Amino acid sequence: MSLTELILALLVALPPHTTDRDRGETIEARTERLAPFASEMVEATRGDRRMLAALLVLGDEESHWAGYVTDGRCHEGPLGQRCDAGLARGPWQLHAQTCRRAWQHPAGSKESLHEEVRCAAALLRYGGRKCRSWSGAFGVYAGVGCGWRGGPRRARRMGRMGL
């Protein structure tokens, strides 16, 4: 199994967002929808398994890989779950001020995904250098600093990703 196939298998194995479950998304459809994310993540990280685990956890925590988010249709999500009221996009919930290059392309496009994954990884790397921990990296990503109380849980989840 290639690393891309492993990442795709992990993505598909995560519990689906309620909107995907409610609309009856099949495993085959979920696999097809998430395949571009797996390949872009492996390419952007050059196979760095820790960063891949961080991106998997971050995407799951931020968007649960919901179809309406990955397809660039945040406005169609449930009230209160519309990508920070339309200010964010993609599974990693990136804002225009921190990820301008992604916002130069249509939401849900291959070009936007290409930039989103690179931006999310860069922000996590920056936070990791600044805080010297994955826990802190998640806090910096969230915009609240190294001591964010949600960081340790996300860092522990990374260890359970099987990478």
Protein backbone atom coordinates (compact mmCIF):
# COMPACT_ATOMS: atom_id res chain seq x y z
CA MET A 1 0.00 0.00 0.00
CA SER A 2 1.38 3.40 -0.96
CA LEU A 3 1.45 6.29 1.49
CA THR A 4 -1.28 8.05 -0.51
CA GLU A 5 -3.46 4.93 -0.28
CA LEU A 6 -2.82 4.76 3.47
CA ILE A 7 -3.80 8.42 3.97
CA LEU A 8 -6.93 7.90 1.87
CA ALA A 9 -7.84 4.81 3.92
CA LEU A 10 -7.41 6.83 7.14
CA LEU A 11 -9.54 9.67 5.78
CA VAL A 12 -12.32 7.31 4.76
CA ALA A 13 -12.15 5.51 8.12
CA LEU A 14 -12.85 8.71 10.06
CA PRO A 15 -16.50 9.07 11.14
CA PRO A 16 -18.40 10.95 8.43
CA HIS A 17 -19.92 14.33 9.10
CA THR A 18 -23.61 14.11 9.97
CA THR A 19 -24.59 15.81 6.72
CA ASP A 20 -22.74 13.15 4.69
CA ARG A 21 -24.21 10.34 6.76
CA ASP A 22 -27.72 11.83 6.50
CA ARG A 23 -27.52 12.11 2.72
CA GLY A 24 -26.34 8.49 2.50
CA GLU A 25 -22.87 9.05 1.10
CA THR A 26 -21.42 5.64 0.23
CA ILE A 27 -17.89 4.52 1.06
CA GLU A 28 -17.16 4.56 -2.67
CA ALA A 29 -18.37 8.15 -3.04
CA ARG A 30 -16.48 9.22 0.10
CA THR A 31 -13.32 7.57 -1.22
CA GLU A 32 -13.65 9.34 -4.56
CA ARG A 33 -14.36 12.69 -2.89
CA LEU A 34 -11.40 12.47 -0.50
CA ALA A 35 -8.82 10.98 -2.91
CA PRO A 36 -7.54 14.39 -4.11
CA PHE A 37 -6.98 15.44 -0.49
CA ALA A 38 -4.88 12.37 0.23
CA SER A 39 -2.64 12.85 -2.79
CA GLU A 40 -2.21 16.61 -2.21
CA MET A 41 -1.38 16.04 1.46
CA VAL A 42 1.31 13.46 0.66
CA GLU A 43 2.78 15.67 -2.05
CA ALA A 44 2.75 18.85 0.06
CA THR A 45 4.36 17.17 3.06
CA ARG A 46 6.83 15.10 1.02
CA GLY A 47 5.61 12.11 2.99
CA ASP A 48 6.33 13.54 6.45
CA ARG A 49 4.16 11.20 8.50
CA ARG A 50 3.93 13.45 11.56
CA MET A 51 2.75 16.36 9.43
CA LEU A 52 0.31 14.06 7.63
CA ALA A 53 -1.10 12.98 11.00
CA ALA A 54 -1.39 16.63 12.05
CA LEU A 55 -3.23 17.54 8.83
CA LEU A 56 -5.59 14.58 9.21
CA VAL A 57 -6.44 15.54 12.78
CA LEU A 58 -6.74 19.22 11.98
CA GLY A 59 -9.09 18.61 9.05
CA ASP A 60 -11.19 16.26 11.14
CA GLU A 61 -11.39 18.65 14.08
CA GLU A 62 -12.11 21.71 11.95
CA SER A 63 -14.57 20.30 9.40
CA HIS A 64 -14.98 16.54 9.89
CA TRP A 65 -14.13 16.40 6.18
CA ALA A 66 -17.76 17.30 5.42
CA GLY A 67 -18.69 17.12 1.75
CA TYR A 68 -20.18 20.60 1.70
CA VAL A 69 -16.83 21.92 2.99
CA THR A 70 -14.51 19.88 0.77
CA ASP A 71 -16.64 20.73 -2.27
CA GLY A 72 -16.46 24.47 -1.55
CA ARG A 73 -20.13 24.84 -0.62
CA CYS A 74 -19.83 26.20 2.92
CA HIS A 75 -22.95 28.32 2.48
CA GLU A 76 -24.95 25.08 2.25
CA GLY A 77 -23.87 23.78 5.65
CA PRO A 78 -26.03 23.72 8.77
CA LEU A 79 -26.45 27.02 10.58
CA GLY A 80 -23.48 27.59 12.85
CA GLN A 81 -21.29 25.28 10.72
CA ARG A 82 -20.78 27.42 7.65
CA CYS A 83 -17.01 27.80 7.68
CA ASP A 84 -16.73 30.58 10.25
CA ALA A 85 -19.73 32.36 8.73
CA GLY A 86 -18.16 32.23 5.27
CA LEU A 87 -14.80 33.61 6.38
CA ALA A 88 -12.99 30.27 6.07
CA ARG A 89 -12.70 27.58 3.45
CA GLY A 90 -11.58 24.01 3.05
CA PRO A 91 -11.22 21.22 5.58
CA TRP A 92 -8.55 23.13 7.51
CA GLN A 93 -10.80 26.23 7.76
CA LEU A 94 -8.28 28.71 6.39
CA HIS A 95 -9.02 32.42 6.30
CA ALA A 96 -8.06 34.75 3.46
CA GLN A 97 -5.71 36.84 5.60
CA THR A 98 -3.58 33.79 6.46
CA CYS A 99 -3.87 31.95 3.16
CA ARG A 100 -4.31 34.46 0.35
CA ARG A 101 -3.09 32.15 -2.42
CA ALA A 102 -5.92 29.67 -1.84
CA TRP A 103 -8.47 32.45 -2.00
CA GLN A 104 -7.23 33.44 -5.47
CA HIS A 105 -8.98 30.31 -6.78
CA PRO A 106 -12.61 29.17 -6.63
CA ALA A 107 -13.58 27.39 -3.40
CA GLY A 108 -13.51 23.63 -3.86
CA SER A 109 -11.22 23.81 -6.89
CA LYS A 110 -8.11 21.68 -7.40
CA GLU A 111 -6.04 24.87 -7.41
CA SER A 112 -7.47 26.03 -4.10
CA LEU A 113 -6.87 22.61 -2.52
CA HIS A 114 -3.27 22.70 -3.72
CA GLU A 115 -2.72 26.00 -1.90
CA GLU A 116 -4.84 25.14 1.16
CA VAL A 117 -2.86 22.05 2.12
CA ARG A 118 0.45 23.88 1.70
CA CYS A 119 -0.79 26.80 3.76
CA ALA A 120 -2.15 24.60 6.56
CA ALA A 121 1.14 22.67 6.72
CA ALA A 122 3.16 25.90 6.76
CA LEU A 123 1.06 27.32 9.59
CA LEU A 124 1.47 24.12 11.60
CA ARG A 125 5.24 24.11 10.97
CA TYR A 126 5.46 27.73 12.12
CA GLY A 127 3.50 26.96 15.28
CA GLY A 128 5.64 23.90 15.96
CA ARG A 129 8.86 25.92 15.67
CA LYS A 130 7.48 28.72 17.82
CA CYS A 131 6.13 26.46 20.58
CA ARG A 132 8.42 23.44 20.16
CA SER A 133 5.47 21.04 20.36
CA TRP A 134 2.58 19.77 18.29
CA SER A 135 0.23 20.82 21.04
CA GLY A 136 1.48 24.37 20.73
CA ALA A 137 1.37 24.19 16.94
CA PHE A 138 -2.36 23.53 17.10
CA GLY A 139 -2.76 26.48 19.49
CA VAL A 140 -0.91 28.85 17.19
CA TYR A 141 -2.99 27.55 14.28
CA ALA A 142 -6.13 28.32 16.27
CA GLY A 143 -4.81 31.84 16.84
CA VAL A 144 -4.62 31.55 20.62
CA GLY A 145 -0.97 30.70 21.27
CA CYS A 146 1.16 27.86 22.51
CA GLY A 147 -0.82 27.14 25.66
CA TRP A 148 -4.22 26.52 24.06
CA ARG A 149 -6.13 23.94 26.10
CA GLY A 150 -7.37 22.11 22.97
CA GLY A 151 -3.84 21.51 21.69
CA PRO A 152 -2.90 18.50 23.84
CA ARG A 153 -5.98 16.55 22.77
CA ARG A 154 -5.25 17.16 19.11
CA ALA A 155 -1.61 16.19 19.62
CA ARG A 156 -2.69 12.92 21.28
CA ARG A 157 -5.00 12.19 18.36
CA MET A 158 -2.01 12.48 16.04
CA GLY A 159 -0.42 9.55 17.85
CA ARG A 160 -3.51 7.45 17.25
CA MET A 161 -3.53 8.02 13.50
CA GLY A 162 -1.29 5.02 12.89
CA LEU A 163 1.40 6.90 11.05
